[in-house]
C-alpha atoms as a PDB file:
ATOM      1  CA  MET A   1      -5.138  -1.838   2.606  1.00  0.00           C
ATOM      2  CA  GLN A   2      -6.657  -1.666   5.384  1.00  0.00           C
ATOM      3  CA  GLU A   3     -10.075  -2.873   4.216  1.00  0.00           C
ATOM      4  CA  LYS A   4      -8.231  -5.845   2.730  1.00  0.00           C
ATOM      5  CA  ALA A   5      -6.396  -6.863   5.615  1.00  0.00           C
ATOM      6  CA  LYS A   6      -9.684  -6.961   7.516  1.00  0.00           C
ATOM      7  CA  ASP A   7     -11.008  -8.656   4.956  1.00  0.00           C
ATOM      8  CA  LEU A   8      -8.358 -11.394   5.528  1.00  0.00           C
ATOM      9  CA  ASP A   9      -9.171 -11.269   9.294  1.00  0.00           C
ATOM     10  CA  ALA A  10      -5.607  -9.821  10.148  1.00  0.00           C
ATOM     11  CA  ASN A  11      -5.093  -6.654  12.157  1.00  0.00           C
ATOM     12  CA  ALA A  12      -1.748  -5.479  11.305  1.00  0.00           C
ATOM     13  CA  ILE A  13       0.342  -4.524   8.397  1.00  0.00           C
ATOM     14  CA  ILE A  14       4.092  -5.409   8.437  1.00  0.00           C
ATOM     15  CA  GLY A  15       6.792  -4.703   5.876  1.00  0.00           C
ATOM     16  CA  LEU A  16       5.213  -1.758   4.460  1.00  0.00           C
ATOM     17  CA  LYS A  17       6.568  -0.097   1.164  1.00  0.00           C
ATOM     18  CA  ILE A  18       5.595   2.771  -0.609  1.00  0.00           C
ATOM     19  CA  SER A  19       6.935   4.310  -3.739  1.00  0.00           C
ATOM     20  CA  TYR A  20       6.581   6.576  -6.561  1.00  0.00           C
ATOM     21  CA  ASN A  21       7.306   7.245 -10.079  1.00  0.00           C
ATOM     22  CA  ASN A  22       6.915  10.730 -11.980  1.00  0.00           C
ATOM     23  CA  LEU A  23       5.247   9.397 -15.314  1.00  0.00           C
ATOM     24  CA  GLY A  24       5.493  13.260 -16.175  1.00  0.00           C
ATOM     25  CA  GLY A  25       3.033  13.918 -19.803  1.00  0.00           C
ATOM     26  CA  THR A  26       2.519  17.076 -22.014  1.00  0.00           C
ATOM     27  CA  MET A  27      -0.424  18.055 -19.641  1.00  0.00           C
ATOM     28  CA  GLY A  28       1.213  17.856 -16.414  1.00  0.00           C
ATOM     29  CA  ASN A  29       2.867  15.729 -14.020  1.00  0.00           C
ATOM     30  CA  THR A  30       1.248  12.310 -13.342  1.00  0.00           C
ATOM     31  CA  ILE A  31       2.615  10.384 -10.021  1.00  0.00           C
ATOM     32  CA  PHE A  32       2.058   6.802  -9.876  1.00  0.00           C
ATOM     33  CA  VAL A  33       2.188   5.573  -6.073  1.00  0.00           C
ATOM     34  CA  THR A  34       2.145   1.860  -5.264  1.00  0.00           C
ATOM     35  CA  ALA A  35       2.103   0.572  -1.703  1.00  0.00           C
ATOM     36  CA  TYR A  36       2.135  -3.410  -0.710  1.00  0.00           C
ATOM     37  CA  GLY A  37       2.928  -4.893   2.899  1.00  0.00           C
ATOM     38  CA  THR A  38       2.164  -8.097   4.238  1.00  0.00           C
ATOM     39  CA  ALA A  39      -1.151  -8.379   6.555  1.00  0.00           C
ATOM     40  CA  ILE A  40      -0.721 -10.543   9.602  1.00  0.00           C
ATOM     41  CA  SER A  41      -2.906 -11.437  12.537  1.00  0.00           C
ATOM     42  CA  TYR A  42      -0.736 -10.249  16.068  1.00  0.00           C
ATOM     43  CA  LYS A  43      -2.336 -11.698  19.167  1.00  0.00           C
ATOM     44  CA  ASP A  44      -0.853  -9.908  22.482  1.00  0.00           C
END
């Protein structure tokens, strides 16, 4: 996510949300993780 933000010339990410789902399965547990936010350019 940081690399994608840098590609957009952003220097911060706001509104970050991380979620996960347990997919289960016969061979053991699998966890699906999703993260998203908004890349911004912040000037001090």
